[in-house]
Amino acid sequence: MPHRPRTHRHRGVLALCLPALLAVAVSLGALSGCALLQPRPDSTKFYLLTPATVAAQAPPINPGAGLKIGLRAVEVPTYLRTKKMVVRVGRNEILYSEFDRWAEPLDEAIARVVKEALGSTDKVDRVALNSQGGDTLDYEVRIRVLACEGARGGGGADSIRLAMSWEIQPSGTNGAALKRGGFRAAPADWDGKDYARLAWQLGKGVGEAARALAADLVAEAKSARKPGRE
């Protein structure tokens, strides 16, 4: 008797197994999808702008005789109005770090550091933030930030870029500035990758700028006391 192929039987077995195979495939796909949808740890890092440690100052000879300063709101350029840390490449390319950020708005951070640095000198008694004028203040200061970022140059010449300018005005007025000044940080060591060091170097630079501002304030106060100064 000739052998007959078992085509119909094979088809029947395949028909019975197909739902089970599909169920297994769906289960494997679901498990794979769950693995892909699992939450990933947040790798974002936040940094504070912090001035370098300032040596303790000797107490003033005449307590209460120091300057009382008001700081107006710090002005920053639009490209720095973000918590993402900024790196400049060449002359006009800007990179924003997605996972390295400031812990507070940069204008508020700079105002805080300037206040701390001014208050650490024996020439300043008090510093008021976001000043709107007042009879108890000697001067008000307007600070404009021109740059506050990392800088990547050619050949691994990575550094910081920090520049500020300021105007010293009589308290409670919007008249002409009594004195103008500014600060530009010298190149500082940064490898282009370590954002914690970048934050530290920028904070150190802002502290140095604040001390230069303090010197301008003292010089203006001395000049105002000269005979014939209107």
C-alpha atoms as a PDB file:
ATOM      1  CA  MET A   1       0.000   0.000   0.000  1.00  0.00           C
ATOM      2  CA  PRO A   2       1.574   3.287  -1.020  1.00  0.00           C
ATOM      3  CA  HIS A   3       2.642   5.775   1.719  1.00  0.00           C
ATOM      4  CA  ARG A   4       0.447   8.846   1.905  1.00  0.00           C
ATOM      5  CA  PRO A   5       1.893  12.158   3.036  1.00  0.00           C
ATOM      6  CA  ARG A   6       0.470  13.346   6.340  1.00  0.00           C
ATOM      7  CA  THR A   7      -0.110  16.871   5.126  1.00  0.00           C
ATOM      8  CA  HIS A   8      -3.521  17.327   6.719  1.00  0.00           C
ATOM      9  CA  ARG A   9      -2.331  15.939  10.023  1.00  0.00           C
ATOM     10  CA  HIS A  10       0.671  18.256  10.092  1.00  0.00           C
ATOM     11  CA  ARG A  11      -1.567  21.199   9.340  1.00  0.00           C
ATOM     12  CA  GLY A  12      -3.846  20.234  12.179  1.00  0.00           C
ATOM     13  CA  VAL A  13      -0.979  20.055  14.653  1.00  0.00           C
ATOM     14  CA  LEU A  14       0.329  23.428  13.446  1.00  0.00           C
ATOM     15  CA  ALA A  15      -3.122  24.922  13.844  1.00  0.00           C
ATOM     16  CA  LEU A  16      -3.246  23.682  17.432  1.00  0.00           C
ATOM     17  CA  CYS A  17       0.258  24.966  18.279  1.00  0.00           C
ATOM     18  CA  LEU A  18      -0.035  28.363  16.588  1.00  0.00           C
ATOM     19  CA  PRO A  19      -2.083  30.045  19.386  1.00  0.00           C
ATOM     20  CA  ALA A  20       0.407  28.824  21.983  1.00  0.00           C
ATOM     21  CA  LEU A  21       3.349  30.113  19.917  1.00  0.00           C
ATOM     22  CA  LEU A  22       1.643  33.468  19.487  1.00  0.00           C
ATOM     23  CA  ALA A  23       0.993  33.680  23.214  1.00  0.00           C
ATOM     24  CA  VAL A  24       4.662  33.014  23.959  1.00  0.00           C
ATOM     25  CA  ALA A  25       5.741  35.635  21.411  1.00  0.00           C
ATOM     26  CA  VAL A  26       3.391  38.210  22.931  1.00  0.00           C
ATOM     27  CA  SER A  27       4.656  37.432  26.414  1.00  0.00           C
ATOM     28  CA  LEU A  28       8.280  37.817  25.338  1.00  0.00           C
ATOM     29  CA  GLY A  29       7.440  41.086  23.603  1.00  0.00           C
ATOM     30  CA  ALA A  30       5.697  42.374  26.716  1.00  0.00           C
ATOM     31  CA  LEU A  31       8.674  41.474  28.900  1.00  0.00           C
ATOM     32  CA  SER A  32      11.037  43.163  26.464  1.00  0.00           C
ATOM     33  CA  GLY A  33       8.804  46.246  26.409  1.00  0.00           C
ATOM     34  CA  CYS A  34       8.753  46.384  30.205  1.00  0.00           C
ATOM     35  CA  ALA A  35      12.542  46.290  30.262  1.00  0.00           C
ATOM     36  CA  LEU A  36      12.695  49.194  27.801  1.00  0.00           C
ATOM     37  CA  LEU A  37      10.146  51.217  29.769  1.00  0.00           C
ATOM     38  CA  GLN A  38      11.835  50.825  33.130  1.00  0.00           C
ATOM     39  CA  PRO A  39      12.719  54.245  34.644  1.00  0.00           C
ATOM     40  CA  ARG A  40      16.338  55.224  34.236  1.00  0.00           C
ATOM     41  CA  PRO A  41      18.241  57.028  36.996  1.00  0.00           C
ATOM     42  CA  ASP A  42      18.450  60.802  36.562  1.00  0.00           C
ATOM     43  CA  SER A  43      22.079  61.693  35.852  1.00  0.00           C
ATOM     44  CA  THR A  44      21.533  65.459  36.114  1.00  0.00           C
ATOM     45  CA  LYS A  45      23.988  67.255  38.421  1.00  0.00           C
ATOM     46  CA  PHE A  46      23.392  70.631  40.065  1.00  0.00           C
ATOM     47  CA  TYR A  47      26.080  73.104  41.081  1.00  0.00           C
ATOM     48  CA  LEU A  48      26.284  76.191  43.259  1.00  0.00           C
ATOM     49  CA  LEU A  49      28.277  79.288  42.423  1.00  0.00           C
ATOM     50  CA  THR A  50      30.626  79.574  45.401  1.00  0.00           C
ATOM     51  CA  PRO A  51      33.429  82.078  45.988  1.00  0.00           C
ATOM     52  CA  ALA A  52      36.846  80.881  47.029  1.00  0.00           C
ATOM     53  CA  THR A  53      37.418  80.930  50.776  1.00  0.00           C
ATOM     54  CA  VAL A  54      38.112  84.462  51.945  1.00  0.00           C
ATOM     55  CA  ALA A  55      40.531  85.009  54.807  1.00  0.00           C
ATOM     56  CA  ALA A  56      38.918  86.421  57.907  1.00  0.00           C
ATOM     57  CA  GLN A  57      39.106  90.201  58.025  1.00  0.00           C
ATOM     58  CA  ALA A  58      40.101  92.179  61.079  1.00  0.00           C
ATOM     59  CA  PRO A  59      37.149  93.995  62.678  1.00  0.00           C
ATOM     60  CA  PRO A  60      36.866  97.661  61.645  1.00  0.00           C
ATOM     61  CA  ILE A  61      38.447 100.220  63.948  1.00  0.00           C
ATOM     62  CA  ASN A  62      35.168 102.137  64.078  1.00  0.00           C
ATOM     63  CA  PRO A  63      32.303  99.615  64.003  1.00  0.00           C
ATOM     64  CA  GLY A  64      29.352 100.916  61.996  1.00  0.00           C
ATOM     65  CA  ALA A  65      31.522 103.278  59.969  1.00  0.00           C
ATOM     66  CA  GLY A  66      31.677 100.960  56.931  1.00  0.00           C
ATOM     67  CA  LEU A  67      29.752 101.491  53.722  1.00  0.00           C
ATOM     68  CA  LYS A  68      26.129 100.464  53.307  1.00  0.00           C
ATOM     69  CA  ILE A  69      25.584  99.212  49.777  1.00  0.00           C
ATOM     70  CA  GLY A  70      22.494  98.366  47.769  1.00  0.00           C
ATOM     71  CA  LEU A  71      22.740  95.924  44.864  1.00  0.00           C
ATOM     72  CA  ARG A  72      20.242  96.350  42.070  1.00  0.00           C
ATOM     73  CA  ALA A  73      19.052  93.227  40.259  1.00  0.00           C
ATOM     74  CA  VAL A  74      21.955  91.723  38.325  1.00  0.00           C
ATOM     75  CA  GLU A  75      21.574  91.907  34.541  1.00  0.00           C
ATOM     76  CA  VAL A  76      22.555  88.832  32.510  1.00  0.00           C
ATOM     77  CA  PRO A  77      22.404  88.353  28.728  1.00  0.00           C
ATOM     78  CA  THR A  78      19.544  86.312  27.336  1.00  0.00           C
ATOM     79  CA  TYR A  79      21.684  83.289  26.491  1.00  0.00           C
ATOM     80  CA  LEU A  80      22.602  82.907  30.178  1.00  0.00           C
ATOM     81  CA  ARG A  81      19.019  83.011  31.426  1.00  0.00           C
ATOM     82  CA  THR A  82      18.930  79.263  31.873  1.00  0.00           C
ATOM     83  CA  LYS A  83      19.990  76.828  34.561  1.00  0.00           C
ATOM     84  CA  LYS A  84      21.873  74.758  32.003  1.00  0.00           C
ATOM     85  CA  MET A  85      25.595  75.413  32.212  1.00  0.00           C
ATOM     86  CA  VAL A  86      26.956  77.126  29.131  1.00  0.00           C
ATOM     87  CA  VAL A  87      30.122  76.471  27.158  1.00  0.00           C
ATOM     88  CA  ARG A  88      31.312  78.723  24.349  1.00  0.00           C
ATOM     89  CA  VAL A  89      33.124  77.117  21.436  1.00  0.00           C
ATOM     90  CA  GLY A  90      35.200  79.474  19.347  1.00  0.00           C
ATOM     91  CA  ARG A  91      33.764  82.953  18.940  1.00  0.00           C
ATOM     92  CA  ASN A  92      30.058  82.406  18.536  1.00  0.00           C
ATOM     93  CA  GLU A  93      29.015  78.790  19.122  1.00  0.00           C
ATOM     94  CA  ILE A  94      27.142  78.084  22.363  1.00  0.00           C
ATOM     95  CA  LEU A  95      26.604  74.650  23.908  1.00  0.00           C
ATOM     96  CA  TYR A  96      24.106  73.958  26.701  1.00  0.00           C
ATOM     97  CA  SER A  97      24.829  71.018  28.989  1.00  0.00           C
ATOM     98  CA  GLU A  98      21.681  68.949  29.460  1.00  0.00           C
ATOM     99  CA  PHE A  99      22.883  67.173  32.598  1.00  0.00           C
ATOM    100  CA  ASP A 100      25.037  69.864  34.294  1.00  0.00           C
ATOM    101  CA  ARG A 101      22.969  72.718  35.698  1.00  0.00           C
ATOM    102  CA  TRP A 102      23.057  75.609  38.138  1.00  0.00           C
ATOM    103  CA  ALA A 103      21.080  75.023  41.302  1.00  0.00           C
ATOM    104  CA  GLU A 104      19.627  78.554  41.110  1.00  0.00           C
ATOM    105  CA  PRO A 105      19.171  81.244  38.454  1.00  0.00           C
ATOM    106  CA  LEU A 106      22.558  82.673  37.507  1.00  0.00           C
ATOM    107  CA  ASP A 107      21.620  86.303  38.206  1.00  0.00           C
ATOM    108  CA  GLU A 108      20.560  85.399  41.762  1.00  0.00           C
ATOM    109  CA  ALA A 109      23.683  83.272  42.274  1.00  0.00           C
ATOM    110  CA  ILE A 110      25.993  86.112  41.199  1.00  0.00           C
ATOM    111  CA  ALA A 111      24.179  88.599  43.436  1.00  0.00           C
ATOM    112  CA  ARG A 112      24.553  86.206  46.370  1.00  0.00           C
ATOM    113  CA  VAL A 113      28.284  85.699  45.786  1.00  0.00           C
ATOM    114  CA  VAL A 114      28.894  89.443  45.365  1.00  0.00           C
ATOM    115  CA  LYS A 115      27.017  90.121  48.608  1.00  0.00           C
ATOM    116  CA  GLU A 116      29.070  87.500  50.476  1.00  0.00           C
ATOM    117  CA  ALA A 117      32.350  88.821  49.097  1.00  0.00           C
ATOM    118  CA  LEU A 118      31.535  92.476  49.823  1.00  0.00           C
ATOM    119  CA  GLY A 119      30.370  91.581  53.311  1.00  0.00           C
ATOM    120  CA  SER A 120      33.669  89.815  54.022  1.00  0.00           C
ATOM    121  CA  THR A 121      35.621  93.082  53.863  1.00  0.00           C
ATOM    122  CA  ASP A 122      36.012  95.486  56.768  1.00  0.00           C
ATOM    123  CA  LYS A 123      35.019  98.407  54.535  1.00  0.00           C
ATOM    124  CA  VAL A 124      31.393  97.347  54.069  1.00  0.00           C
ATOM    125  CA  ASP A 125      28.881  97.110  56.898  1.00  0.00           C
ATOM    126  CA  ARG A 126      25.799  95.977  55.027  1.00  0.00           C
ATOM    127  CA  VAL A 127      24.708  94.866  51.565  1.00  0.00           C
ATOM    128  CA  ALA A 128      21.050  94.925  50.510  1.00  0.00           C
ATOM    129  CA  LEU A 129      19.963  92.788  47.547  1.00  0.00           C
ATOM    130  CA  ASN A 130      17.470  94.002  44.924  1.00  0.00           C
ATOM    131  CA  SER A 131      17.809  97.491  46.290  1.00  0.00           C
ATOM    132  CA  GLN A 132      15.223 100.135  45.481  1.00  0.00           C
ATOM    133  CA  GLY A 133      17.086 102.963  47.142  1.00  0.00           C
ATOM    134  CA  GLY A 134      16.900 104.200  50.698  1.00  0.00           C
ATOM    135  CA  ASP A 135      18.184 106.908  52.995  1.00  0.00           C
ATOM    136  CA  THR A 136      20.249 104.398  54.980  1.00  0.00           C
ATOM    137  CA  LEU A 137      22.382 103.378  51.973  1.00  0.00           C
ATOM    138  CA  ASP A 138      25.534 105.120  50.856  1.00  0.00           C
ATOM    139  CA  TYR A 139      25.631 103.802  47.289  1.00  0.00           C
ATOM    140  CA  GLU A 140      23.756 101.583  44.904  1.00  0.00           C
ATOM    141  CA  VAL A 141      25.449  99.329  42.382  1.00  0.00           C
ATOM    142  CA  ARG A 142      24.237  98.100  39.005  1.00  0.00           C
ATOM    143  CA  ILE A 143      26.009  94.955  37.813  1.00  0.00           C
ATOM    144  CA  ARG A 144      25.905  93.753  34.221  1.00  0.00           C
ATOM    145  CA  VAL A 145      27.226  90.281  33.423  1.00  0.00           C
ATOM    146  CA  LEU A 146      28.867  90.092  30.008  1.00  0.00           C
ATOM    147  CA  ALA A 147      29.953  86.439  30.119  1.00  0.00           C
ATOM    148  CA  CYS A 148      29.897  83.582  32.632  1.00  0.00           C
ATOM    149  CA  GLU A 149      30.657  80.258  30.992  1.00  0.00           C
ATOM    150  CA  GLY A 150      33.213  77.673  30.025  1.00  0.00           C
ATOM    151  CA  ALA A 151      35.310  78.231  26.914  1.00  0.00           C
ATOM    152  CA  ARG A 152      36.662  75.581  24.572  1.00  0.00           C
ATOM    153  CA  GLY A 153      39.462  76.597  22.300  1.00  0.00           C
ATOM    154  CA  GLY A 154      41.601  74.762  19.802  1.00  0.00           C
ATOM    155  CA  GLY A 155      44.241  72.264  20.860  1.00  0.00           C
ATOM    156  CA  GLY A 156      42.681  71.595  24.261  1.00  0.00           C
ATOM    157  CA  ALA A 157      42.981  75.211  25.393  1.00  0.00           C
ATOM    158  CA  ASP A 158      39.891  75.067  27.618  1.00  0.00           C
ATOM    159  CA  SER A 159      39.315  77.757  30.227  1.00  0.00           C
ATOM    160  CA  ILE A 160      36.573  79.983  31.652  1.00  0.00           C
ATOM    161  CA  ARG A 161      35.027  83.122  30.254  1.00  0.00           C
ATOM    162  CA  LEU A 162      33.857  85.638  32.855  1.00  0.00           C
ATOM    163  CA  ALA A 163      33.367  89.368  32.403  1.00  0.00           C
ATOM    164  CA  MET A 164      31.312  91.912  34.372  1.00  0.00           C
ATOM    165  CA  SER A 165      30.822  95.658  34.446  1.00  0.00           C
ATOM    166  CA  TRP A 166      29.261  97.900  37.088  1.00  0.00           C
ATOM    167  CA  GLU A 167      28.082 101.399  37.845  1.00  0.00           C
ATOM    168  CA  ILE A 168      28.177 103.048  41.275  1.00  0.00           C
ATOM    169  CA  GLN A 169      25.379 105.549  41.880  1.00  0.00           C
ATOM    170  CA  PRO A 170      24.153 107.665  44.778  1.00  0.00           C
ATOM    171  CA  SER A 171      21.411 105.868  46.659  1.00  0.00           C
ATOM    172  CA  GLY A 172      17.849 106.482  45.529  1.00  0.00           C
ATOM    173  CA  THR A 173      18.738 108.121  42.217  1.00  0.00           C
ATOM    174  CA  ASN A 174      18.807 107.099  38.576  1.00  0.00           C
ATOM    175  CA  GLY A 175      21.252 109.776  37.575  1.00  0.00           C
ATOM    176  CA  ALA A 176      24.668 109.495  36.006  1.00  0.00           C
ATOM    177  CA  ALA A 177      27.073 106.992  37.500  1.00  0.00           C
ATOM    178  CA  LEU A 178      29.616 108.339  39.940  1.00  0.00           C
ATOM    179  CA  LYS A 179      32.076 105.635  38.962  1.00  0.00           C
ATOM    180  CA  ARG A 180      32.226 102.830  36.416  1.00  0.00           C
ATOM    181  CA  GLY A 181      34.332  99.729  36.598  1.00  0.00           C
ATOM    182  CA  GLY A 182      34.603  96.165  35.451  1.00  0.00           C
ATOM    183  CA  PHE A 183      36.391  92.860  35.689  1.00  0.00           C
ATOM    184  CA  ARG A 184      37.562  90.196  33.267  1.00  0.00           C
ATOM    185  CA  ALA A 185      38.810  86.884  34.656  1.00  0.00           C
ATOM    186  CA  ALA A 186      42.206  85.566  33.652  1.00  0.00           C
ATOM    187  CA  PRO A 187      42.340  82.145  31.959  1.00  0.00           C
ATOM    188  CA  ALA A 188      41.796  79.387  34.515  1.00  0.00           C
ATOM    189  CA  ASP A 189      42.469  75.667  34.552  1.00  0.00           C
ATOM    190  CA  TRP A 190      39.544  73.613  33.203  1.00  0.00           C
ATOM    191  CA  ASP A 191      39.685  70.396  31.196  1.00  0.00           C
ATOM    192  CA  GLY A 192      36.473  71.035  29.264  1.00  0.00           C
ATOM    193  CA  LYS A 193      34.669  68.148  30.976  1.00  0.00           C
ATOM    194  CA  ASP A 194      34.703  68.645  34.758  1.00  0.00           C
ATOM    195  CA  TYR A 195      31.688  70.891  35.356  1.00  0.00           C
ATOM    196  CA  ALA A 196      32.188  70.892  39.121  1.00  0.00           C
ATOM    197  CA  ARG A 197      35.564  72.553  38.557  1.00  0.00           C
ATOM    198  CA  LEU A 198      34.031  74.942  36.022  1.00  0.00           C
ATOM    199  CA  ALA A 199      31.462  76.030  38.639  1.00  0.00           C
ATOM    200  CA  TRP A 200      34.237  76.475  41.213  1.00  0.00           C
ATOM    201  CA  GLN A 201      36.421  78.516  38.864  1.00  0.00           C
ATOM    202  CA  LEU A 202      33.507  80.772  37.892  1.00  0.00           C
ATOM    203  CA  GLY A 203      32.577  81.275  41.543  1.00  0.00           C
ATOM    204  CA  LYS A 204      36.175  82.158  42.325  1.00  0.00           C
ATOM    205  CA  GLY A 205      36.136  84.684  39.470  1.00  0.00           C
ATOM    206  CA  VAL A 206      32.925  86.322  40.679  1.00  0.00           C
ATOM    207  CA  GLY A 207      34.461  86.632  44.151  1.00  0.00           C
ATOM    208  CA  GLU A 208      37.505  88.368  42.651  1.00  0.00           C
ATOM    209  CA  ALA A 209      35.219  90.696  40.702  1.00  0.00           C
ATOM    210  CA  ALA A 210      33.390  91.574  43.930  1.00  0.00           C
ATOM    211  CA  ARG A 211      36.647  92.506  45.620  1.00  0.00           C
ATOM    212  CA  ALA A 212      37.515  94.755  42.678  1.00  0.00           C
ATOM    213  CA  LEU A 213      34.081  96.350  43.096  1.00  0.00           C
ATOM    214  CA  ALA A 214      34.764  96.848  46.812  1.00  0.00           C
ATOM    215  CA  ALA A 215      37.980  98.685  45.935  1.00  0.00           C
ATOM    216  CA  ASP A 216      36.034 100.975  43.571  1.00  0.00           C
ATOM    217  CA  LEU A 217      33.461 101.682  46.290  1.00  0.00           C
ATOM    218  CA  VAL A 218      36.154 102.595  48.803  1.00  0.00           C
ATOM    219  CA  ALA A 219      37.907 104.799  46.233  1.00  0.00           C
ATOM    220  CA  GLU A 220      34.655 106.595  45.450  1.00  0.00           C
ATOM    221  CA  ALA A 221      33.901 107.128  49.144  1.00  0.00           C
ATOM    222  CA  LYS A 222      37.374 108.616  49.678  1.00  0.00           C
ATOM    223  CA  SER A 223      36.981 110.844  46.652  1.00  0.00           C
ATOM    224  CA  ALA A 224      33.594 112.081  47.877  1.00  0.00           C
ATOM    225  CA  ARG A 225      35.163 113.240  51.123  1.00  0.00           C
ATOM    226  CA  LYS A 226      37.738 115.416  49.362  1.00  0.00           C
ATOM    227  CA  PRO A 227      37.172 119.188  49.638  1.00  0.00           C
ATOM    228  CA  GLY A 228      35.512 120.686  46.600  1.00  0.00           C
ATOM    229  CA  ARG A 229      33.838 117.438  45.498  1.00  0.00           C
ATOM    230  CA  GLU A 230      30.252 118.193  44.545  1.00  0.00           C
END
